[in-house]
């Protein structure tokens, strides 16, 4: 979603019609099957970094916020966090 917003903004600033941009972006499949792998890698990276400073629920909140800020989907983050807790 963030990628689409940035591309739309950039192309609009160049003078392209916003409707044409949206049509073109909707035709492109930006979803990938390795999103869960990307989220998992980012989770692990930030877990190591934030676990030194935070614990328990506070750590979960900071991890979740960080992953949302990167642009991952809410439900995907919830799935990865639940999976990591079970491991």
PDB file of N, CA and C in Angstrom:
ATOM      1  N   UNK A   1       0.824  -1.197   0.000  1.00  0.00           N
ATOM      2  CA  UNK A   1       0.000   0.000   0.000  1.00  0.00           C
ATOM      3  C   UNK A   1       0.866   1.258   0.000  1.00  0.00           C
ATOM      4  N   UNK A   2       1.898   1.238   0.803  1.00  0.00           N
ATOM      5  CA  UNK A   2       2.792   2.397   0.860  1.00  0.00           C
ATOM      6  C   UNK A   2       3.507   2.567  -0.471  1.00  0.00           C
ATOM      7  N   UNK A   3       3.895   1.451  -1.074  1.00  0.00           N
ATOM      8  CA  UNK A   3       4.557   1.509  -2.373  1.00  0.00           C
ATOM      9  C   UNK A   3       3.635   2.131  -3.409  1.00  0.00           C
ATOM     10  N   UNK A   4       2.382   1.705  -3.433  1.00  0.00           N
ATOM     11  CA  UNK A   4       1.417   2.265  -4.388  1.00  0.00           C
ATOM     12  C   UNK A   4       1.229   3.765  -4.168  1.00  0.00           C
ATOM     13  N   UNK A   5       1.175   4.183  -2.914  1.00  0.00           N
ATOM     14  CA  UNK A   5       1.008   5.606  -2.603  1.00  0.00           C
ATOM     15  C   UNK A   5       2.203   6.417  -3.093  1.00  0.00           C
ATOM     16  N   UNK A   6       3.388   5.888  -2.877  1.00  0.00           N
ATOM     17  CA  UNK A   6       4.590   6.605  -3.298  1.00  0.00           C
ATOM     18  C   UNK A   6       4.684   6.698  -4.811  1.00  0.00           C
ATOM     19  N   UNK A   7       4.366   5.602  -5.496  1.00  0.00           N
ATOM     20  CA  UNK A   7       4.408   5.605  -6.958  1.00  0.00           C
ATOM     21  C   UNK A   7       3.365   6.568  -7.509  1.00  0.00           C
ATOM     22  N   UNK A   8       2.161   6.522  -6.951  1.00  0.00           N
ATOM     23  CA  UNK A   8       1.099   7.420  -7.391  1.00  0.00           C
ATOM     24  C   UNK A   8       1.495   8.874  -7.189  1.00  0.00           C
ATOM     25  N   UNK A   9       2.041   9.177  -6.038  1.00  0.00           N
ATOM     26  CA  UNK A   9       2.466  10.542  -5.744  1.00  0.00           C
ATOM     27  C   UNK A   9       3.558  11.004  -6.702  1.00  0.00           C
ATOM     28  N   UNK A  10       4.535  10.150  -6.929  1.00  0.00           N
ATOM     29  CA  UNK A  10       5.650  10.486  -7.810  1.00  0.00           C
ATOM     30  C   UNK A  10       5.175  10.738  -9.242  1.00  0.00           C
ATOM     31  N   UNK A  11       4.356   9.826  -9.751  1.00  0.00           N
ATOM     32  CA  UNK A  11       3.880   9.971 -11.125  1.00  0.00           C
ATOM     33  C   UNK A  11       2.913  11.141 -11.285  1.00  0.00           C
ATOM     34  N   UNK A  12       2.130  11.428 -10.260  1.00  0.00           N
ATOM     35  CA  UNK A  12       1.242  12.588 -10.301  1.00  0.00           C
ATOM     36  C   UNK A  12       2.064  13.867 -10.357  1.00  0.00           C
ATOM     37  N   UNK A  13       3.135  13.917  -9.595  1.00  0.00           N
ATOM     38  CA  UNK A  13       4.020  15.094  -9.617  1.00  0.00           C
ATOM     39  C   UNK A  13       4.696  15.273 -10.970  1.00  0.00           C
ATOM     40  N   UNK A  14       4.881  14.172 -11.699  1.00  0.00           N
ATOM     41  CA  UNK A  14       5.459  14.261 -13.041  1.00  0.00           C
ATOM     42  C   UNK A  14       4.429  14.702 -14.078  1.00  0.00           C
ATOM     43  N   UNK A  15       3.144  14.717 -13.690  1.00  0.00           N
ATOM     44  CA  UNK A  15       2.113  15.205 -14.584  1.00  0.00           C
ATOM     45  C   UNK A  15       1.211  14.151 -15.183  1.00  0.00           C
ATOM     46  N   UNK A  16       1.347  12.906 -14.746  1.00  0.00           N
ATOM     47  CA  UNK A  16       0.489  11.847 -15.265  1.00  0.00           C
ATOM     48  C   UNK A  16      -0.882  11.912 -14.604  1.00  0.00           C
ATOM     49  N   UNK A  17      -1.894  11.448 -15.324  1.00  0.00           N
ATOM     50  CA  UNK A  17      -3.270  11.445 -14.833  1.00  0.00           C
ATOM     51  C   UNK A  17      -3.421  10.392 -13.728  1.00  0.00           C
ATOM     52  N   UNK A  18      -4.022  10.788 -12.619  1.00  0.00           N
ATOM     53  CA  UNK A  18      -4.148   9.908 -11.463  1.00  0.00           C
ATOM     54  C   UNK A  18      -5.011   8.683 -11.775  1.00  0.00           C
ATOM     55  N   UNK A  19      -6.049   8.846 -12.591  1.00  0.00           N
ATOM     56  CA  UNK A  19      -6.907   7.713 -12.947  1.00  0.00           C
ATOM     57  C   UNK A  19      -6.132   6.665 -13.738  1.00  0.00           C
ATOM     58  N   UNK A  20      -5.302   7.118 -14.677  1.00  0.00           N
ATOM     59  CA  UNK A  20      -4.493   6.178 -15.463  1.00  0.00           C
ATOM     60  C   UNK A  20      -3.468   5.460 -14.593  1.00  0.00           C
ATOM     61  N   UNK A  21      -2.919   6.170 -13.640  1.00  0.00           N
ATOM     62  CA  UNK A  21      -1.950   5.564 -12.721  1.00  0.00           C
ATOM     63  C   UNK A  21      -2.624   4.465 -11.914  1.00  0.00           C
ATOM     64  N   UNK A  22      -3.802   4.770 -11.366  1.00  0.00           N
ATOM     65  CA  UNK A  22      -4.522   3.784 -10.544  1.00  0.00           C
ATOM     66  C   UNK A  22      -4.918   2.560 -11.355  1.00  0.00           C
ATOM     67  N   UNK A  23      -5.361   2.774 -12.594  1.00  0.00           N
ATOM     68  CA  UNK A  23      -5.724   1.641 -13.456  1.00  0.00           C
ATOM     69  C   UNK A  23      -4.505   0.759 -13.698  1.00  0.00           C
ATOM     70  N   UNK A  24      -3.390   1.390 -14.003  1.00  0.00           N
ATOM     71  CA  UNK A  24      -2.169   0.623 -14.279  1.00  0.00           C
ATOM     72  C   UNK A  24      -1.669  -0.116 -13.047  1.00  0.00           C
ATOM     73  N   UNK A  25      -1.694   0.533 -11.906  1.00  0.00           N
ATOM     74  CA  UNK A  25      -1.227  -0.116 -10.678  1.00  0.00           C
ATOM     75  C   UNK A  25      -2.130  -1.265 -10.259  1.00  0.00           C
ATOM     76  N   UNK A  26      -3.422  -1.136 -10.510  1.00  0.00           N
ATOM     77  CA  UNK A  26      -4.342  -2.213 -10.154  1.00  0.00           C
ATOM     78  C   UNK A  26      -4.158  -3.442 -11.033  1.00  0.00           C
ATOM     79  N   UNK A  27      -3.656  -3.248 -12.248  1.00  0.00           N
ATOM     80  CA  UNK A  27      -3.412  -4.369 -13.148  1.00  0.00           C
ATOM     81  C   UNK A  27      -2.157  -5.151 -12.760  1.00  0.00           C
ATOM     82  N   UNK A  28      -1.244  -4.501 -12.058  1.00  0.00           N
ATOM     83  CA  UNK A  28      -0.001  -5.143 -11.650  1.00  0.00           C
ATOM     84  C   UNK A  28      -0.226  -5.895 -10.351  1.00  0.00           C
ATOM     85  N   UNK A  29       0.216  -7.138 -10.313  1.00  0.00           N
ATOM     86  CA  UNK A  29       0.103  -7.939  -9.100  1.00  0.00           C
ATOM     87  C   UNK A  29       1.324  -7.663  -8.235  1.00  0.00           C
ATOM     88  N   UNK A  30       1.138  -6.865  -7.200  1.00  0.00           N
ATOM     89  CA  UNK A  30       2.252  -6.499  -6.323  1.00  0.00           C
ATOM     90  C   UNK A  30       2.386  -7.444  -5.133  1.00  0.00           C
ATOM     91  N   UNK A  31       1.419  -8.319  -4.951  1.00  0.00           N
ATOM     92  CA  UNK A  31       1.488  -9.280  -3.853  1.00  0.00           C
ATOM     93  C   UNK A  31       2.435 -10.397  -4.228  1.00  0.00           C
ATOM     94  N   UNK A  32       3.220 -10.813  -3.268  1.00  0.00           N
ATOM     95  CA  UNK A  32       4.134 -11.921  -3.542  1.00  0.00           C
ATOM     96  C   UNK A  32       3.924 -13.017  -2.516  1.00  0.00           C
ATOM     97  N   UNK A  33       4.308 -14.207  -2.881  1.00  0.00           N
ATOM     98  CA  UNK A  33       4.123 -15.344  -1.987  1.00  0.00           C
ATOM     99  C   UNK A  33       5.137 -15.344  -0.858  1.00  0.00           C
ATOM    100  N   UNK A  34       6.177 -14.559  -0.997  1.00  0.00           N
ATOM    101  CA  UNK A  34       7.213 -14.565   0.031  1.00  0.00           C
ATOM    102  C   UNK A  34       7.019 -13.439   1.047  1.00  0.00           C
ATOM    103  N   UNK A  35       5.823 -12.829   1.086  1.00  0.00           N
ATOM    104  CA  UNK A  35       5.557 -11.779   2.065  1.00  0.00           C
ATOM    105  C   UNK A  35       5.735 -12.278   3.493  1.00  0.00           C
ATOM    106  N   UNK A  36       5.278 -13.492   3.746  1.00  0.00           N
ATOM    107  CA  UNK A  36       5.413 -14.056   5.094  1.00  0.00           C
ATOM    108  C   UNK A  36       6.885 -14.204   5.462  1.00  0.00           C
ATOM    109  N   UNK A  37       7.710 -14.561   4.491  1.00  0.00           N
ATOM    110  CA  UNK A  37       9.149 -14.673   4.747  1.00  0.00           C
ATOM    111  C   UNK A  37       9.743 -13.304   5.054  1.00  0.00           C
ATOM    112  N   UNK A  38       9.312 -12.305   4.315  1.00  0.00           N
ATOM    113  CA  UNK A  38       9.811 -10.944   4.549  1.00  0.00           C
ATOM    114  C   UNK A  38       9.400 -10.448   5.930  1.00  0.00           C
ATOM    115  N   UNK A  39       8.140 -10.678   6.274  1.00  0.00           N
ATOM    116  CA  UNK A  39       7.659 -10.253   7.593  1.00  0.00           C
ATOM    117  C   UNK A  39       8.427 -10.985   8.683  1.00  0.00           C
ATOM    118  N   UNK A  40       8.640 -12.272   8.490  1.00  0.00           N
ATOM    119  CA  UNK A  40       9.349 -13.069   9.479  1.00  0.00           C
ATOM    120  C   UNK A  40      10.780 -12.565   9.678  1.00  0.00           C
ATOM    121  N   UNK A  41      11.450 -12.246   8.589  1.00  0.00           N
ATOM    122  CA  UNK A  41      12.818 -11.726   8.686  1.00  0.00           C
ATOM    123  C   UNK A  41      12.847 -10.376   9.395  1.00  0.00           C
ATOM    124  N   UNK A  42      11.911  -9.500   9.045  1.00  0.00           N
ATOM    125  CA  UNK A  42      11.853  -8.200   9.700  1.00  0.00           C
ATOM    126  C   UNK A  42      11.493  -8.353  11.177  1.00  0.00           C
ATOM    127  N   UNK A  43      10.585  -9.274  11.468  1.00  0.00           N
ATOM    128  CA  UNK A  43      10.214  -9.545  12.854  1.00  0.00           C
ATOM    129  C   UNK A  43      11.432  -9.957  13.659  1.00  0.00           C
ATOM    130  N   UNK A  44      12.193 -10.921  13.125  1.00  0.00           N
ATOM    131  CA  UNK A  44      13.381 -11.401  13.827  1.00  0.00           C
ATOM    132  C   UNK A  44      14.388 -10.275  14.048  1.00  0.00           C
ATOM    133  N   UNK A  45      14.567  -9.458  13.025  1.00  0.00           N
ATOM    134  CA  UNK A  45      15.519  -8.343  13.109  1.00  0.00           C
ATOM    135  C   UNK A  45      15.123  -7.367  14.218  1.00  0.00           C
ATOM    136  N   UNK A  46      13.871  -6.954  14.213  1.00  0.00           N
ATOM    137  CA  UNK A  46      13.431  -5.991  15.211  1.00  0.00           C
ATOM    138  C   UNK A  46      13.245  -6.615  16.581  1.00  0.00           C
ATOM    139  N   UNK A  47      12.955  -7.925  16.622  1.00  0.00           N
ATOM    140  CA  UNK A  47      12.852  -8.597  17.905  1.00  0.00           C
ATOM    141  C   UNK A  47      14.186  -8.538  18.642  1.00  0.00           C
ATOM    142  N   UNK A  48      15.254  -8.851  17.935  1.00  0.00           N
ATOM    143  CA  UNK A  48      16.582  -8.799  18.557  1.00  0.00           C
ATOM    144  C   UNK A  48      16.916  -7.386  19.034  1.00  0.00           C
ATOM    145  N   UNK A  49      16.569  -6.422  18.220  1.00  0.00           N
ATOM    146  CA  UNK A  49      16.886  -5.035  18.546  1.00  0.00           C
ATOM    147  C   UNK A  49      16.044  -4.514  19.718  1.00  0.00           C
ATOM    148  N   UNK A  50      14.745  -4.766  19.678  1.00  0.00           N
ATOM    149  CA  UNK A  50      13.841  -4.208  20.680  1.00  0.00           C
ATOM    150  C   UNK A  50      13.782  -5.010  21.971  1.00  0.00           C
ATOM    151  N   UNK A  51      14.138  -6.295  21.921  1.00  0.00           N
ATOM    152  CA  UNK A  51      14.059  -7.124  23.123  1.00  0.00           C
ATOM    153  C   UNK A  51      15.087  -6.705  24.175  1.00  0.00           C
ATOM    154  N   UNK A  52      16.088  -5.983  23.755  1.00  0.00           N
ATOM    155  CA  UNK A  52      17.062  -5.468  24.721  1.00  0.00           C
ATOM    156  C   UNK A  52      16.480  -4.333  25.567  1.00  0.00           C
ATOM    157  N   UNK A  53      15.483  -3.663  24.996  1.00  0.00           N
ATOM    158  CA  UNK A  53      14.922  -2.488  25.650  1.00  0.00           C
ATOM    159  C   UNK A  53      13.547  -2.749  26.275  1.00  0.00           C
ATOM    160  N   UNK A  54      12.739  -3.607  25.644  1.00  0.00           N
ATOM    161  CA  UNK A  54      11.363  -3.841  26.089  1.00  0.00           C
ATOM    162  C   UNK A  54      11.146  -5.313  26.386  1.00  0.00           C
ATOM    163  N   UNK A  55      10.058  -5.582  27.142  1.00  0.00           N
ATOM    164  CA  UNK A  55       9.714  -6.958  27.473  1.00  0.00           C
ATOM    165  C   UNK A  55       8.214  -7.160  27.352  1.00  0.00           C
ATOM    166  N   UNK A  56       7.828  -8.406  27.179  1.00  0.00           N
ATOM    167  CA  UNK A  56       6.440  -8.864  27.186  1.00  0.00           C
ATOM    168  C   UNK A  56       5.531  -8.062  26.260  1.00  0.00           C
ATOM    169  N   UNK A  57       4.426  -7.547  26.807  1.00  0.00           N
ATOM    170  CA  UNK A  57       3.428  -6.861  25.981  1.00  0.00           C
ATOM    171  C   UNK A  57       3.970  -5.581  25.356  1.00  0.00           C
ATOM    172  N   UNK A  58       4.809  -4.895  26.075  1.00  0.00           N
ATOM    173  CA  UNK A  58       5.397  -3.663  25.542  1.00  0.00           C
ATOM    174  C   UNK A  58       6.266  -3.973  24.315  1.00  0.00           C
ATOM    175  N   UNK A  59       6.981  -5.067  24.379  1.00  0.00           N
ATOM    176  CA  UNK A  59       7.780  -5.516  23.239  1.00  0.00           C
ATOM    177  C   UNK A  59       6.883  -5.845  22.054  1.00  0.00           C
ATOM    178  N   UNK A  60       5.782  -6.553  22.308  1.00  0.00           N
ATOM    179  CA  UNK A  60       4.842  -6.902  21.240  1.00  0.00           C
ATOM    180  C   UNK A  60       4.266  -5.658  20.577  1.00  0.00           C
ATOM    181  N   UNK A  61       3.921  -4.679  21.371  1.00  0.00           N
ATOM    182  CA  UNK A  61       3.353  -3.436  20.826  1.00  0.00           C
ATOM    183  C   UNK A  61       4.366  -2.731  19.939  1.00  0.00           C
ATOM    184  N   UNK A  62       5.590  -2.631  20.389  1.00  0.00           N
ATOM    185  CA  UNK A  62       6.626  -1.956  19.600  1.00  0.00           C
ATOM    186  C   UNK A  62       6.944  -2.727  18.316  1.00  0.00           C
ATOM    187  N   UNK A  63       6.992  -4.047  18.409  1.00  0.00           N
ATOM    188  CA  UNK A  63       7.224  -4.866  17.214  1.00  0.00           C
ATOM    189  C   UNK A  63       6.092  -4.681  16.207  1.00  0.00           C
ATOM    190  N   UNK A  64       4.876  -4.758  16.699  1.00  0.00           N
ATOM    191  CA  UNK A  64       3.705  -4.624  15.833  1.00  0.00           C
ATOM    192  C   UNK A  64       3.685  -3.257  15.157  1.00  0.00           C
ATOM    193  N   UNK A  65       3.948  -2.222  15.917  1.00  0.00           N
ATOM    194  CA  UNK A  65       3.966  -0.863  15.380  1.00  0.00           C
ATOM    195  C   UNK A  65       5.044  -0.704  14.326  1.00  0.00           C
ATOM    196  N   UNK A  66       6.204  -1.258  14.590  1.00  0.00           N
ATOM    197  CA  UNK A  66       7.327  -1.170  13.653  1.00  0.00           C
ATOM    198  C   UNK A  66       6.984  -1.863  12.333  1.00  0.00           C
ATOM    199  N   UNK A  67       6.404  -3.051  12.420  1.00  0.00           N
ATOM    200  CA  UNK A  67       6.059  -3.800  11.211  1.00  0.00           C
ATOM    201  C   UNK A  67       4.934  -3.119  10.430  1.00  0.00           C
ATOM    202  N   UNK A  68       3.988  -2.512  11.136  1.00  0.00           N
ATOM    203  CA  UNK A  68       2.940  -1.749  10.453  1.00  0.00           C
ATOM    204  C   UNK A  68       3.529  -0.534   9.740  1.00  0.00           C
ATOM    205  N   UNK A  69       4.468   0.115  10.385  1.00  0.00           N
ATOM    206  CA  UNK A  69       5.090   1.308   9.795  1.00  0.00           C
ATOM    207  C   UNK A  69       5.860   0.970   8.522  1.00  0.00           C
ATOM    208  N   UNK A  70       6.405  -0.233   8.466  1.00  0.00           N
ATOM    209  CA  UNK A  70       7.129  -0.660   7.272  1.00  0.00           C
ATOM    210  C   UNK A  70       6.162  -0.839   6.113  1.00  0.00           C
ATOM    211  N   UNK A  71       4.908  -1.219   6.435  1.00  0.00           N
ATOM    212  CA  UNK A  71       3.912  -1.353   5.385  1.00  0.00           C
ATOM    213  C   UNK A  71       3.305  -2.732   5.254  1.00  0.00           C
ATOM    214  N   UNK A  72       3.565  -3.612   6.212  1.00  0.00           N
ATOM    215  CA  UNK A  72       2.987  -4.939   6.162  1.00  0.00           C
ATOM    216  C   UNK A  72       1.526  -4.890   6.597  1.00  0.00           C
ATOM    217  N   UNK A  73       0.759  -5.869   6.150  1.00  0.00           N
ATOM    218  CA  UNK A  73      -0.667  -5.943   6.460  1.00  0.00           C
ATOM    219  C   UNK A  73      -0.897  -6.392   7.898  1.00  0.00           C
ATOM    220  N   UNK A  74      -1.952  -5.863   8.495  1.00  0.00           N
ATOM    221  CA  UNK A  74      -2.310  -6.129   9.884  1.00  0.00           C
ATOM    222  C   UNK A  74      -2.445  -7.631  10.163  1.00  0.00           C
ATOM    223  N   UNK A  75      -3.246  -8.316   9.349  1.00  0.00           N
ATOM    224  CA  UNK A  75      -3.497  -9.738   9.581  1.00  0.00           C
ATOM    225  C   UNK A  75      -2.251 -10.590   9.377  1.00  0.00           C
ATOM    226  N   UNK A  76      -1.416 -10.219   8.416  1.00  0.00           N
ATOM    227  CA  UNK A  76      -0.174 -10.958   8.196  1.00  0.00           C
ATOM    228  C   UNK A  76       0.756 -10.832   9.399  1.00  0.00           C
ATOM    229  N   UNK A  77       0.823  -9.650   9.963  1.00  0.00           N
ATOM    230  CA  UNK A  77       1.663  -9.423  11.147  1.00  0.00           C
ATOM    231  C   UNK A  77       1.134 -10.249  12.316  1.00  0.00           C
ATOM    232  N   UNK A  78      -0.191 -10.234  12.497  1.00  0.00           N
ATOM    233  CA  UNK A  78      -0.792 -11.007  13.586  1.00  0.00           C
ATOM    234  C   UNK A  78      -0.463 -12.496  13.439  1.00  0.00           C
ATOM    235  N   UNK A  79      -0.543 -13.007  12.202  1.00  0.00           N
ATOM    236  CA  UNK A  79      -0.238 -14.424  11.961  1.00  0.00           C
ATOM    237  C   UNK A  79       1.208 -14.756  12.305  1.00  0.00           C
ATOM    238  N   UNK A  80       2.128 -13.911  11.863  1.00  0.00           N
ATOM    239  CA  UNK A  80       3.552 -14.153  12.122  1.00  0.00           C
ATOM    240  C   UNK A  80       3.849 -14.072  13.618  1.00  0.00           C
ATOM    241  N   UNK A  81       3.264 -13.077  14.285  1.00  0.00           N
ATOM    242  CA  UNK A  81       3.515 -12.934  15.723  1.00  0.00           C
ATOM    243  C   UNK A  81       2.966 -14.141  16.490  1.00  0.00           C
ATOM    244  N   UNK A  82       1.802 -14.624  16.105  1.00  0.00           N
ATOM    245  CA  UNK A  82       1.228 -15.810  16.764  1.00  0.00           C
ATOM    246  C   UNK A  82       2.091 -17.035  16.493  1.00  0.00           C
ATOM    247  N   UNK A  83       2.566 -17.162  15.263  1.00  0.00           N
ATOM    248  CA  UNK A  83       3.416 -18.284  14.897  1.00  0.00           C
ATOM    249  C   UNK A  83       4.733 -18.245  15.684  1.00  0.00           C
ATOM    250  N   UNK A  84       5.324 -17.077  15.811  1.00  0.00           N
ATOM    251  CA  UNK A  84       6.598 -16.943  16.536  1.00  0.00           C
ATOM    252  C   UNK A  84       6.411 -17.251  18.020  1.00  0.00           C
ATOM    253  N   UNK A  85       5.277 -16.886  18.570  1.00  0.00           N
ATOM    254  CA  UNK A  85       5.036 -17.152  20.000  1.00  0.00           C
ATOM    255  C   UNK A  85       4.884 -18.649  20.260  1.00  0.00           C
ATOM    256  N   UNK A  86       4.314 -19.356  19.280  1.00  0.00           N
ATOM    257  CA  UNK A  86       4.129 -20.801  19.428  1.00  0.00           C
ATOM    258  C   UNK A  86       5.417 -21.578  19.247  1.00  0.00           C
ATOM    259  N   UNK A  87       6.394 -20.978  18.568  1.00  0.00           N
ATOM    260  CA  UNK A  87       7.672 -21.676  18.323  1.00  0.00           C
ATOM    261  C   UNK A  87       8.541 -21.722  19.536  1.00  0.00           C
TER     262      UNK A  87
END
